[in-house]
Amino acid sequence: MDYQKELKELKPEHEYFIGIDSDGCIFDSMEVKQKEFFIPNALKFFDLYAISETLRETWEFVNLYSMHRGGNRFISMIKVFDLLNRRGEVKNSGCLIPDMTSLKAWVKVETKLGNDSLREYFRSHYDQDLERVLRWSEAVNDDIARYLHNIPSFPHAIDALKKITSYADLVIVSQTPLEALNREWEEHDLKKYVKIIAGQEHGTKAEHINLSAKGKYHDNKILMIGDAKGDLDAARKNGILFYPIIPGEEDKSWERFLNEGIQKFTGGTYSGIYEEKLLEEFNKSLPGTPPWQ
C-alpha cells in the first residue's frame, strides 16, 4: 500500500498547516510504552537479563531523557546497543550484545521504517539478529494493542486541537505504527480534528511534512509541534517553524501555546526572537551526553 499517496494528495482547506507528534505530545504515553513494553520485550527477545539494570538505564536515556527521544524504534535500538557496547559493565558481564549490522544496512536504504517493510527486507536478507529485531517489534505492537488502553492525554493539548482546527489543517506526524495511532485517536474521539494520521509506514517525519505541506502553504504558515529533537530536525529540513512541547512540562507548554503561541504564529511574529527563546529552553531539556559518562 502506498501510504504516502494520501500525504501527496492533501488539499489545503485553510491558510495554515500544523503537524503534531502524538506520543509524548498529545498523549502521556512515552514512559509507559518504553518502560512496560519496549524494554521488557528487549530483555526477553535478546536474552539481556544479565545486564537488565544497565540496559534499562541506557534504553531510558536514549528513548526518554535525551536528544534522541521520540525517534523511530529501530534507529533508537541501534543507538541503545551501540552505547551498551561501550559500557564497561556490559564488557565485564560477558553478555553478548546483538549484532546490528543487518539492521543498520536496512535503515540506510529504507525510510518507511515499520514492521511491514522490515518483514519484506528480511525475506531476502536472512539474519538471526534481524529476525529477533522483527519478532521483538511485533511483540511490542501486540502487547501494546492488547494491554494498553485509556492512555491519558494532556488536557491543554485537547483544548489546542479544538482551537487549531478553526484556522489550520492538522496532520499527525509520528513514528508510531499506524495501527496504534488510529486506535489511540479513535479511543479518545480525536480523529475528527485531523486530516491525516501519518505513522512510521508513511516514511520519516521530514517526509510527512514535505509531502503534505511544502509548496501548498507558505513556509512561515507551516508549524511542527513536537517533544523531541527529531521533530525539530524534521521542521528544519523543511525550512518551517517549530513549537516545542518540553518533556516534563507538557501541559504547561500547551497552555503557553494556547495563550501566546497561536497568536504569534497567525500574527506572523513567531520566527526570530520568540522561536529562538523557546528552542533554547527545549534544547536544555534534552541532553546529548549520558549521565554515566
Protein backbone atom coordinates (compact mmCIF):
# COMPACT_ATOMS: atom_id res chain seq x y z
CA MET A 1 0.00 0.00 0.00
CA ASP A 2 1.27 3.47 -0.92
CA TYR A 3 0.74 5.27 2.37
CA GLN A 4 2.48 8.39 1.11
CA LYS A 5 -0.15 8.87 -1.60
CA GLU A 6 -2.62 10.44 0.84
CA LEU A 7 0.04 12.91 2.00
CA LYS A 8 0.81 13.94 -1.57
CA GLU A 9 -2.90 14.36 -2.32
CA LEU A 10 -3.70 16.52 0.72
CA LYS A 11 -5.51 19.64 -0.45
CA PRO A 12 -5.40 22.74 1.77
CA GLU A 13 -8.65 23.87 3.31
CA HIS A 14 -7.06 26.58 5.44
CA GLU A 15 -4.28 29.11 5.13
CA TYR A 16 -2.18 27.43 7.83
CA PHE A 17 -0.79 23.92 8.33
CA ILE A 18 0.21 22.34 11.64
CA GLY A 19 1.91 18.96 12.07
CA ILE A 20 1.71 17.45 15.54
CA ASP A 21 3.52 14.50 17.08
CA SER A 22 1.41 12.03 19.06
CA ASP A 23 3.21 10.02 21.78
CA GLY A 24 4.54 12.32 24.49
CA CYS A 25 2.96 15.31 22.80
CA ILE A 26 -0.79 14.70 22.72
CA PHE A 27 -0.80 11.52 24.81
CA ASP A 28 1.14 10.96 28.04
CA SER A 29 2.27 7.58 26.75
CA MET A 30 6.05 7.73 26.26
CA GLU A 31 7.17 6.41 29.63
CA VAL A 32 4.65 3.61 29.99
CA LYS A 33 5.28 2.30 26.47
CA GLN A 34 9.06 2.31 26.81
CA LYS A 35 9.27 1.02 30.38
CA GLU A 36 6.49 -1.55 30.30
CA PHE A 37 6.57 -2.82 26.71
CA PHE A 38 9.71 -1.92 24.76
CA ILE A 39 12.26 -2.72 27.49
CA PRO A 40 10.70 -5.97 28.85
CA ASN A 41 10.44 -7.38 25.33
CA ALA A 42 14.04 -6.37 24.56
CA LEU A 43 15.25 -8.20 27.66
CA LYS A 44 13.31 -11.28 26.61
CA PHE A 45 13.99 -11.45 22.86
CA PHE A 46 17.69 -10.58 23.09
CA ASP A 47 18.39 -12.51 26.31
CA LEU A 48 19.84 -9.49 28.10
CA TYR A 49 18.67 -10.22 31.65
CA ALA A 50 22.30 -10.38 32.81
CA ILE A 51 22.57 -6.62 32.19
CA SER A 52 18.96 -5.72 32.99
CA GLU A 53 19.76 -2.63 35.08
CA THR A 54 22.31 -1.30 32.59
CA LEU A 55 20.01 -1.91 29.64
CA ARG A 56 17.13 -0.10 31.35
CA GLU A 57 19.30 2.92 32.15
CA THR A 58 20.68 3.07 28.61
CA TRP A 59 17.31 2.49 26.95
CA GLU A 60 15.56 5.14 29.03
CA PHE A 61 18.29 7.68 28.32
CA VAL A 62 18.01 7.18 24.56
CA ASN A 63 14.23 6.93 24.32
CA LEU A 64 13.03 9.25 27.10
CA TYR A 65 15.63 11.52 28.64
CA SER A 66 17.90 12.70 25.82
CA MET A 67 18.05 14.45 22.48
CA HIS A 68 17.35 11.05 20.87
CA ARG A 69 13.90 10.64 22.43
CA GLY A 70 10.93 10.12 20.16
CA GLY A 71 12.92 8.55 17.35
CA ASN A 72 11.98 5.58 15.21
CA ARG A 73 12.18 2.41 17.30
CA PHE A 74 14.71 0.70 15.04
CA ILE A 75 17.09 3.65 14.87
CA SER A 76 16.77 4.05 18.64
CA MET A 77 17.55 0.37 19.15
CA ILE A 78 20.78 0.79 17.18
CA LYS A 79 21.73 3.74 19.43
CA VAL A 80 20.97 1.72 22.58
CA PHE A 81 23.07 -1.26 21.53
CA ASP A 82 25.93 0.96 20.32
CA LEU A 83 26.01 2.62 23.76
CA LEU A 84 25.82 -0.73 25.54
CA ASN A 85 28.82 -1.99 23.58
CA ARG A 86 30.86 0.89 25.00
CA ARG A 87 29.83 0.41 28.64
CA GLY A 88 32.30 -1.24 31.00
CA GLU A 89 29.56 -3.01 32.94
CA VAL A 90 28.50 -4.82 29.79
CA LYS A 91 32.04 -5.81 28.80
CA ASN A 92 32.70 -7.15 32.30
CA SER A 93 29.44 -9.12 32.35
CA GLY A 94 30.34 -11.25 29.36
CA CYS A 95 26.87 -10.62 27.96
CA LEU A 96 26.74 -10.65 24.17
CA ILE A 97 25.08 -7.61 22.58
CA PRO A 98 23.23 -8.46 19.34
CA ASP A 99 24.96 -7.61 16.06
CA MET A 100 23.00 -4.80 14.44
CA THR A 101 24.90 -4.83 11.13
CA SER A 102 21.89 -6.01 9.11
CA LEU A 103 19.53 -3.57 10.82
CA LYS A 104 21.94 -0.71 10.17
CA ALA A 105 22.07 -1.68 6.48
CA TRP A 106 18.26 -1.66 6.28
CA VAL A 107 17.75 1.76 7.90
CA LYS A 108 20.24 3.24 5.43
CA VAL A 109 18.15 2.21 2.41
CA GLU A 110 14.59 2.45 3.79
CA THR A 111 12.68 5.47 5.10
CA LYS A 112 9.37 3.71 5.88
CA LEU A 113 10.77 2.01 8.95
CA GLY A 114 7.92 -0.23 10.06
CA ASN A 115 7.30 -3.94 10.56
CA ASP A 116 5.89 -4.49 7.08
CA SER A 117 8.94 -3.09 5.29
CA LEU A 118 11.32 -4.87 7.70
CA ARG A 119 9.50 -8.16 7.10
CA GLU A 120 9.85 -7.68 3.35
CA TYR A 121 13.56 -6.89 3.68
CA PHE A 122 14.10 -9.88 5.97
CA ARG A 123 12.78 -12.29 3.34
CA SER A 124 15.79 -11.61 1.14
CA HIS A 125 18.31 -10.73 3.86
CA TYR A 126 18.02 -13.51 6.42
CA ASP A 127 19.93 -12.87 9.61
CA GLN A 128 19.31 -14.32 13.07
CA ASP A 129 19.66 -10.98 14.87
CA LEU A 130 17.45 -9.24 12.31
CA GLU A 131 14.81 -11.90 12.89
CA ARG A 132 14.95 -11.20 16.61
CA VAL A 133 14.50 -7.48 15.94
CA LEU A 134 11.41 -8.22 13.88
CA ARG A 135 9.94 -10.60 16.47
CA TRP A 136 10.66 -8.05 19.21
CA SER A 137 8.92 -5.26 17.29
CA GLU A 138 5.91 -7.44 16.53
CA ALA A 139 5.64 -8.43 20.19
CA VAL A 140 5.79 -4.79 21.30
CA ASN A 141 2.92 -3.93 18.97
CA ASP A 142 0.87 -6.95 20.03
CA ASP A 143 1.34 -6.29 23.75
CA ILE A 144 0.51 -2.58 23.46
CA ALA A 145 -2.63 -3.38 21.46
CA ARG A 146 -3.68 -6.00 23.99
CA TYR A 147 -2.91 -4.29 27.28
CA LEU A 148 -2.54 -0.53 26.88
CA HIS A 149 -5.81 1.38 26.85
CA ASN A 150 -7.20 4.71 28.06
CA ILE A 151 -3.88 6.49 27.59
CA PRO A 152 -4.23 9.90 29.23
CA SER A 153 -3.96 12.96 27.03
CA PHE A 154 -2.61 16.31 28.15
CA PRO A 155 -5.67 18.48 28.93
CA HIS A 156 -4.47 21.65 27.23
CA ALA A 157 -3.42 19.60 24.18
CA ILE A 158 -7.06 18.76 23.54
CA ASP A 159 -8.02 22.40 24.01
CA ALA A 160 -5.39 23.31 21.43
CA LEU A 161 -6.66 20.74 18.92
CA LYS A 162 -10.15 22.19 19.17
CA LYS A 163 -8.90 25.75 18.68
CA ILE A 164 -6.44 24.97 15.88
CA THR A 165 -8.96 23.33 13.58
CA SER A 166 -10.73 26.63 13.01
CA TYR A 167 -7.79 28.10 11.10
CA ALA A 168 -5.30 25.31 10.25
CA ASP A 169 -5.12 21.92 8.57
CA LEU A 170 -3.79 19.34 11.04
CA VAL A 171 -1.71 16.25 10.25
CA ILE A 172 -0.34 13.86 12.84
CA VAL A 173 3.39 13.42 12.22
CA SER A 174 4.62 10.37 14.10
CA GLN A 175 6.93 7.35 14.08
CA THR A 176 4.41 5.22 15.97
CA PRO A 177 2.85 2.37 13.96
CA LEU A 178 -0.30 3.46 12.15
CA GLU A 179 -2.47 0.80 13.79
CA ALA A 180 -1.64 2.10 17.26
CA LEU A 181 -2.13 5.73 16.23
CA ASN A 182 -5.55 5.09 14.75
CA ARG A 183 -6.63 3.06 17.77
CA GLU A 184 -5.49 5.71 20.26
CA TRP A 185 -7.00 8.65 18.38
CA GLU A 186 -10.29 6.79 17.87
CA GLU A 187 -10.41 5.75 21.52
CA HIS A 188 -10.34 9.40 22.57
CA ASP A 189 -12.62 10.57 19.73
CA LEU A 190 -9.89 12.88 18.37
CA LYS A 191 -9.61 11.78 14.73
CA LYS A 192 -12.27 14.33 13.79
CA TYR A 193 -9.73 17.12 14.38
CA VAL A 194 -7.08 15.92 11.91
CA LYS A 195 -6.95 15.48 8.16
CA ILE A 196 -4.38 12.67 8.10
CA ILE A 197 -2.68 10.46 10.68
CA ALA A 198 0.82 9.67 9.41
CA GLY A 199 2.85 6.95 11.13
CA GLN A 200 6.10 5.10 10.52
CA GLU A 201 4.56 3.46 7.43
CA HIS A 202 4.35 6.88 5.77
CA GLY A 203 8.11 7.46 5.98
CA THR A 204 10.14 9.87 8.08
CA LYS A 205 8.68 12.87 9.84
CA ALA A 206 10.52 15.14 7.40
CA GLU A 207 8.84 13.28 4.54
CA HIS A 208 5.42 13.65 6.18
CA ILE A 209 5.80 17.43 6.22
CA ASN A 210 7.41 17.67 2.80
CA LEU A 211 4.75 15.59 1.05
CA SER A 212 1.71 17.04 2.80
CA ALA A 213 2.62 20.72 3.22
CA LYS A 214 5.62 22.01 1.26
CA GLY A 215 4.58 24.06 -1.75
CA LYS A 216 0.95 24.03 -0.63
CA TYR A 217 1.30 26.58 2.20
CA HIS A 218 3.77 29.43 2.71
CA ASP A 219 6.72 28.24 4.83
CA ASN A 220 6.01 30.76 7.61
CA LYS A 221 2.48 29.36 7.82
CA ILE A 222 3.63 25.79 8.43
CA LEU A 223 4.33 24.76 12.03
CA MET A 224 5.55 21.50 13.54
CA ILE A 225 4.70 20.81 17.18
CA GLY A 226 6.73 18.14 18.94
CA ASP A 227 8.52 16.98 22.05
CA ALA A 228 11.69 15.52 20.52
CA LYS A 229 14.79 16.60 18.64
CA GLY A 230 13.60 14.52 15.69
CA ASP A 231 10.55 16.77 15.42
CA LEU A 232 12.77 19.85 15.35
CA ASP A 233 15.03 18.25 12.75
CA ALA A 234 12.01 17.46 10.55
CA ALA A 235 10.94 21.10 10.74
CA ARG A 236 14.42 22.43 9.98
CA LYS A 237 14.87 20.09 6.99
CA ASN A 238 11.72 21.63 5.52
CA GLY A 239 12.52 25.24 6.46
CA ILE A 240 9.39 25.65 8.60
CA LEU A 241 8.57 26.80 12.14
CA PHE A 242 8.76 24.65 15.26
CA TYR A 243 6.96 24.81 18.59
CA PRO A 244 8.43 22.63 21.39
CA ILE A 245 6.49 20.63 23.93
CA ILE A 246 9.01 20.48 26.78
CA PRO A 247 9.36 16.95 28.26
CA GLY A 248 8.13 17.02 31.85
CA GLU A 249 6.29 20.30 31.26
CA GLU A 250 3.88 19.17 28.57
CA ASP A 251 0.68 20.74 29.83
CA LYS A 252 2.47 24.00 30.64
CA SER A 253 3.83 24.02 27.09
CA TRP A 254 0.38 23.52 25.60
CA GLU A 255 -1.04 26.24 27.85
CA ARG A 256 1.65 28.62 26.60
CA PHE A 257 0.82 27.70 23.03
CA LEU A 258 -2.85 28.50 23.66
CA ASN A 259 -2.09 31.76 25.43
CA GLU A 260 0.58 33.17 23.13
CA GLY A 261 1.99 30.72 20.58
CA ILE A 262 -1.10 30.64 18.39
CA GLN A 263 -1.27 34.42 18.23
CA LYS A 264 2.44 34.67 17.35
CA PHE A 265 2.04 32.05 14.61
CA THR A 266 -1.04 33.54 12.94
CA GLY A 267 0.21 37.10 13.50
CA GLY A 268 3.42 36.49 11.61
CA THR A 269 5.67 37.27 14.60
CA TYR A 270 6.63 33.73 15.57
CA SER A 271 10.03 33.33 13.90
CA GLY A 272 13.06 35.10 15.29
CA ILE A 273 13.35 36.07 18.94
CA TYR A 274 10.22 34.23 20.13
CA GLU A 275 11.05 30.91 18.49
CA GLU A 276 14.73 31.13 19.48
CA LYS A 277 13.78 31.59 23.14
CA LEU A 278 11.57 28.50 23.03
CA LEU A 279 14.28 26.44 21.33
CA GLU A 280 16.85 27.43 23.94
CA GLU A 281 14.59 26.09 26.68
CA PHE A 282 13.81 22.97 24.63
CA ASN A 283 17.44 22.10 23.93
CA LYS A 284 18.36 22.42 27.61
CA SER A 285 15.76 19.77 28.47
CA LEU A 286 17.29 17.17 26.10
CA PRO A 287 20.93 16.34 26.96
CA GLY A 288 23.23 14.63 24.49
CA THR A 289 25.69 13.13 26.98
CA PRO A 290 24.63 10.07 29.04
CA PRO A 291 24.75 10.51 32.84
CA TRP A 292 27.21 7.60 33.21
CA GLN A 293 29.87 9.29 31.07
